[in-house]
Structure formats: C-alpha cells, structure tokens
Amino acid sequence: MDMPLIRVEDTGEVIPLRDDVTTIGRGRFVHVRLDDASVSKLHAQIVCRSRYYYVEDLGLSRNGTRVNGRPVGRRLLEDGDVVTFGTARCKVEGIPREELAAEAELRRSAAPELTRRELDVLVSLCRPALSDDAFVTPASPREIARDMVVSEAAVKQHLVRLYQKFRIPAGANRRTRLANEVIALGLVRPLADYGSGQVQHAHGVPQEPLLDTM
C-alpha cells in the first residue's frame, strides 16, 4: 500500500501524512509549510483516525479551505482529492480506497460553488439558529440586510440564487430548510470563542441539522 502523502502543486514537494495530525500553514512550526500570503500561519490540519483521513480548516484565515473546489470546514479525504488552502493547491495521494455508500458519495458532492458574498449571506442567515437558545428561526432578509449593511432587495436576490444552488424548492420554511442544509454540509458553525450567536463559514460539520423545520 502506498504511504499517504500530500503533494504541493507549486513546488512539487512531497510530505508524508502523519499517523495522528499533520498541520498545514505558512508558519515555521507546521508540518506542511506553504509559502503563500493567502495561507494562515496555522491554516488547517489533516487528521488520521483508524486509517481514515480528514482535513479540518482551523478558521484562522478568511481565505478558507476547499476540497476539489468546494469550501469545507471538515471533510473526509479520498485518494486523489485536491485540497486548496487559501490559493495554495495540494493533492493527497496514497489514502486507502474504500467503497462508499451511494448516499455518502452524493453528500460529498452536495455543496455548490459559492461566492464570498453568498457565504456572507449564509453566515448571517444561520447566526440566530446557532445561538445558545433552544430554537430560534434563521434571520429574515431585513435582518441579514442590516447585518451586512446592504439593501433588503440585494439580500433577496442572493437568497433566490442560493435556493437554486442548494435546490431548495418553494414552499413554507424555505429559509429554515436552506439553513438546515448549509449547517449539515458544514459551511457554517458556531464561533464558541466569541460568544453566543456568532458564526463563521467553513468551520465544522455538525452531525445533525441544528434547526427545526416544523
């Protein structure tokens, strides 16, 4: 079996993945050092658990982490996946292959490409639902507009595009269903270090939806 490794696209450097945690960033003391201004000093880590490897964005950079072009917070890796830290591209190789269930494979490819502004809208949408309260509804277009300092009409246009991208059909609780999907995909998560109700994009993957659609 090939040894799991990460290959840096710009330099061709190959670094074996550790059997516990491999850190990635621009700092001096990481395992995979990327000399790129878009990369944080400690940007992400690749964690090995029982021969499975997953990448986890550490939330220290506005530029985020992507797997095969899609923004992630935490994502199981497969052999050949291209992981982008900021704008620095790397490829993971030698990860043991395993047949995935059809549902799991569909879930891996469920997150659409998003613009930075669309991510901002999603963060604002989900902010109330990720507070410490037992249940609150997602933010309204007016609340999102106030949060982002834009017009309510602009927010509604973004929401229409997001409904289309995430294939949320028209009907009751449409914003709630969108927020559920976004949270389940790990595109936003609570920012525990900064108090109740604050969130950031691409930080983690909750195991279950955090919103009640009833």
Protein backbone atom coordinates (compact mmCIF):
# COMPACT_ATOMS: atom_id res chain seq x y z
CA MET A 1 0.00 0.00 0.00
CA ASP A 2 1.25 3.47 -0.85
CA MET A 3 2.10 5.74 2.07
CA PRO A 4 -0.45 8.58 2.44
CA LEU A 5 1.14 11.87 1.45
CA ILE A 6 0.41 15.43 0.40
CA ARG A 7 1.95 16.91 -2.75
CA VAL A 8 2.37 20.71 -3.03
CA GLU A 9 1.46 21.75 -6.56
CA ASP A 10 3.68 24.84 -6.88
CA THR A 11 6.90 23.22 -5.68
CA GLY A 12 6.29 19.51 -6.22
CA GLU A 13 7.34 18.89 -2.63
CA VAL A 14 6.00 15.65 -1.17
CA ILE A 15 5.36 15.32 2.58
CA PRO A 16 4.15 12.07 4.19
CA LEU A 17 0.98 12.43 6.25
CA ARG A 18 1.50 11.67 9.93
CA ASP A 19 -0.46 8.91 11.65
CA ASP A 20 -2.05 11.43 14.04
CA VAL A 21 -2.20 15.10 12.97
CA THR A 22 -0.46 16.88 10.09
CA THR A 23 -0.56 20.67 10.38
CA ILE A 24 -0.57 22.95 7.32
CA GLY A 25 0.16 26.66 7.12
CA ARG A 26 2.65 29.45 6.49
CA GLY A 27 4.24 29.37 9.95
CA ARG A 28 7.66 28.00 10.83
CA PHE A 29 6.48 25.13 13.02
CA VAL A 30 3.88 23.39 10.84
CA HIS A 31 4.45 20.04 9.17
CA VAL A 32 3.48 21.25 5.68
CA ARG A 33 4.77 24.78 5.12
CA LEU A 34 3.16 26.76 2.27
CA ASP A 35 4.91 29.98 1.28
CA ASP A 36 1.76 31.79 0.17
CA ALA A 37 0.33 35.06 1.51
CA SER A 38 -3.23 33.69 1.33
CA VAL A 39 -2.34 30.93 3.82
CA SER A 40 -2.51 31.50 7.58
CA LYS A 41 0.41 30.65 9.84
CA LEU A 42 -1.69 27.76 11.13
CA HIS A 43 -4.31 27.26 8.45
CA ALA A 44 -5.60 23.67 8.64
CA GLN A 45 -4.81 20.16 9.75
CA ILE A 46 -5.20 16.68 8.31
CA VAL A 47 -6.22 14.19 11.00
CA CYS A 48 -5.84 10.40 10.81
CA ARG A 49 -8.39 8.28 12.66
CA SER A 50 -8.40 4.49 12.15
CA ARG A 51 -6.81 4.79 8.68
CA TYR A 52 -9.32 7.46 7.66
CA TYR A 53 -8.00 10.95 6.92
CA TYR A 54 -9.97 14.18 7.11
CA VAL A 55 -8.99 17.79 6.58
CA GLU A 56 -10.13 20.42 9.07
CA ASP A 57 -10.00 24.16 8.46
CA LEU A 58 -8.84 25.87 11.66
CA GLY A 59 -10.69 29.12 11.00
CA LEU A 60 -7.65 31.37 11.28
CA SER A 61 -7.85 32.71 7.73
CA ARG A 62 -10.55 34.49 5.75
CA ASN A 63 -9.43 32.56 2.68
CA GLY A 64 -10.62 29.17 3.94
CA THR A 65 -10.01 25.63 2.75
CA ARG A 66 -11.51 23.84 -0.25
CA VAL A 67 -11.64 20.22 -1.35
CA ASN A 68 -11.99 19.75 -5.10
CA GLY A 69 -13.06 23.38 -5.37
CA ARG A 70 -15.74 23.32 -2.67
CA PRO A 71 -15.44 25.20 0.66
CA VAL A 72 -15.23 22.92 3.69
CA GLY A 73 -14.94 23.05 7.44
CA ARG A 74 -14.19 19.36 7.98
CA ARG A 75 -14.16 16.81 5.17
CA LEU A 76 -13.23 13.14 4.81
CA LEU A 77 -10.49 12.78 2.19
CA GLU A 78 -10.11 10.26 -0.59
CA ASP A 79 -7.11 9.35 -2.68
CA GLY A 80 -6.54 11.98 -5.36
CA ASP A 81 -8.50 14.81 -3.70
CA VAL A 82 -7.18 18.31 -4.42
CA VAL A 83 -7.11 20.43 -1.27
CA THR A 84 -6.70 24.20 -1.59
CA PHE A 85 -5.51 26.23 1.41
CA GLY A 86 -6.17 29.87 0.52
CA THR A 87 -4.91 29.75 -3.08
CA ALA A 88 -2.21 27.10 -2.49
CA ARG A 89 -3.19 23.81 -4.13
CA CYS A 90 -2.12 20.40 -2.84
CA LYS A 91 -3.05 16.83 -3.73
CA VAL A 92 -3.43 13.95 -1.30
CA GLU A 93 -2.25 10.56 -2.50
CA GLY A 94 -1.90 7.05 -1.13
CA ILE A 95 -5.04 7.12 1.02
CA PRO A 96 -6.59 3.63 1.21
CA ARG A 97 -9.62 3.36 -1.04
CA GLU A 98 -12.97 2.21 0.25
CA GLU A 99 -16.32 1.78 -1.45
CA LEU A 100 -18.66 4.47 -0.18
CA ALA A 101 -22.41 4.10 0.03
CA ALA A 102 -24.28 5.95 -2.70
CA GLU A 103 -25.84 8.33 -0.17
CA ALA A 104 -22.43 9.23 1.30
CA GLU A 105 -21.00 9.87 -2.15
CA LEU A 106 -23.89 12.14 -3.05
CA ARG A 107 -23.42 14.02 0.22
CA ARG A 108 -19.74 14.63 -0.54
CA SER A 109 -20.65 16.45 -3.75
CA ALA A 110 -23.69 18.29 -2.42
CA ALA A 111 -22.13 21.69 -1.68
CA PRO A 112 -22.29 24.04 -4.71
CA GLU A 113 -19.70 26.64 -5.66
CA LEU A 114 -20.36 29.83 -3.69
CA THR A 115 -19.17 33.40 -4.00
CA ARG A 116 -17.72 35.20 -0.97
CA ARG A 117 -20.88 37.36 -0.77
CA GLU A 118 -23.12 34.29 -0.82
CA LEU A 119 -21.12 32.80 2.06
CA ASP A 120 -21.59 36.06 3.99
CA VAL A 121 -25.36 35.83 3.44
CA LEU A 122 -25.37 32.24 4.71
CA VAL A 123 -23.39 33.18 7.82
CA SER A 124 -25.86 35.95 8.62
CA LEU A 125 -28.83 33.68 7.85
CA CYS A 126 -27.66 30.99 10.27
CA ARG A 127 -26.41 33.27 13.06
CA PRO A 128 -29.61 33.19 15.21
CA ALA A 129 -30.04 29.43 14.79
CA LEU A 130 -26.54 28.72 16.13
CA SER A 131 -27.04 30.66 19.33
CA ASP A 132 -27.39 29.03 22.73
CA ASP A 133 -31.18 29.34 22.62
CA ALA A 134 -33.17 26.12 22.29
CA PHE A 135 -34.67 27.28 18.99
CA VAL A 136 -34.89 30.48 17.03
CA THR A 137 -35.66 30.91 13.35
CA PRO A 138 -33.00 31.90 10.82
CA ALA A 139 -32.50 35.60 10.17
CA SER A 140 -35.01 37.41 7.97
CA PRO A 141 -33.94 39.24 4.76
CA ARG A 142 -34.29 42.53 6.66
CA GLU A 143 -32.05 41.29 9.49
CA ILE A 144 -29.48 39.97 7.02
CA ALA A 145 -29.51 43.31 5.16
CA ARG A 146 -28.93 45.19 8.40
CA ASP A 147 -26.15 42.81 9.41
CA MET A 148 -24.37 43.12 6.03
CA VAL A 149 -25.18 46.84 5.52
CA VAL A 150 -26.81 46.22 2.13
CA SER A 151 -30.32 46.63 0.77
CA GLU A 152 -33.03 44.10 1.55
CA ALA A 153 -33.63 43.72 -2.21
CA ALA A 154 -29.99 42.67 -2.70
CA VAL A 155 -30.32 40.06 0.06
CA LYS A 156 -33.47 38.65 -1.51
CA GLN A 157 -31.66 38.30 -4.84
CA HIS A 158 -28.84 36.40 -3.13
CA LEU A 159 -31.36 34.15 -1.37
CA VAL A 160 -33.09 33.32 -4.65
CA ARG A 161 -29.76 32.24 -6.15
CA LEU A 162 -28.92 30.24 -3.02
CA TYR A 163 -32.27 28.43 -3.13
CA GLN A 164 -31.47 27.47 -6.71
CA LYS A 165 -27.90 26.37 -5.93
CA PHE A 166 -28.95 24.22 -2.99
CA ARG A 167 -32.11 23.03 -4.79
CA ILE A 168 -34.46 24.21 -2.06
CA PRO A 169 -37.98 24.06 -3.54
CA ALA A 170 -40.53 26.81 -2.98
CA GLY A 171 -42.84 26.43 -0.01
CA ALA A 172 -43.09 27.02 3.71
CA ASN A 173 -39.96 27.34 5.86
CA ARG A 174 -37.72 27.83 2.82
CA ARG A 175 -35.11 29.85 4.74
CA THR A 176 -35.12 27.24 7.52
CA ARG A 177 -34.60 24.42 5.01
CA LEU A 178 -31.74 26.34 3.41
CA ALA A 179 -30.11 26.93 6.81
CA ASN A 180 -30.50 23.25 7.73
CA GLU A 181 -28.75 22.20 4.54
CA VAL A 182 -25.93 24.73 4.98
CA ILE A 183 -25.29 23.64 8.57
CA ALA A 184 -25.41 19.93 7.70
CA LEU A 185 -22.81 20.49 4.97
CA GLY A 186 -20.52 22.25 7.46
CA LEU A 187 -20.41 25.58 5.62
CA VAL A 188 -21.06 27.47 8.86
CA ARG A 189 -20.67 26.61 12.53
CA PRO A 190 -20.79 28.38 15.92
CA LEU A 191 -17.87 30.57 16.94
CA ALA A 192 -17.75 29.43 20.56
CA ASP A 193 -14.77 31.63 21.36
CA TYR A 194 -16.69 34.81 20.59
CA GLY A 195 -19.93 34.22 22.41
CA SER A 196 -23.49 33.16 21.71
CA GLY A 197 -24.93 33.51 18.24
CA GLN A 198 -21.70 34.26 16.37
CA VAL A 199 -20.71 32.08 13.43
CA GLN A 200 -18.16 31.78 10.69
CA HIS A 201 -18.19 29.95 7.37
CA ALA A 202 -16.50 26.63 6.69
CA HIS A 203 -15.58 25.70 10.27
CA GLY A 204 -17.16 22.38 11.09
CA VAL A 205 -19.63 19.66 10.27
CA PRO A 206 -22.37 19.12 12.87
CA GLN A 207 -23.67 15.56 12.82
CA GLU A 208 -27.34 16.58 12.72
CA PRO A 209 -29.25 19.65 11.46
CA LEU A 210 -29.50 22.28 14.18
CA LEU A 211 -32.81 23.77 13.08
CA ASP A 212 -36.35 22.51 13.48
CA THR A 213 -38.34 22.73 10.24
CA MET A 214 -41.68 22.08 11.95
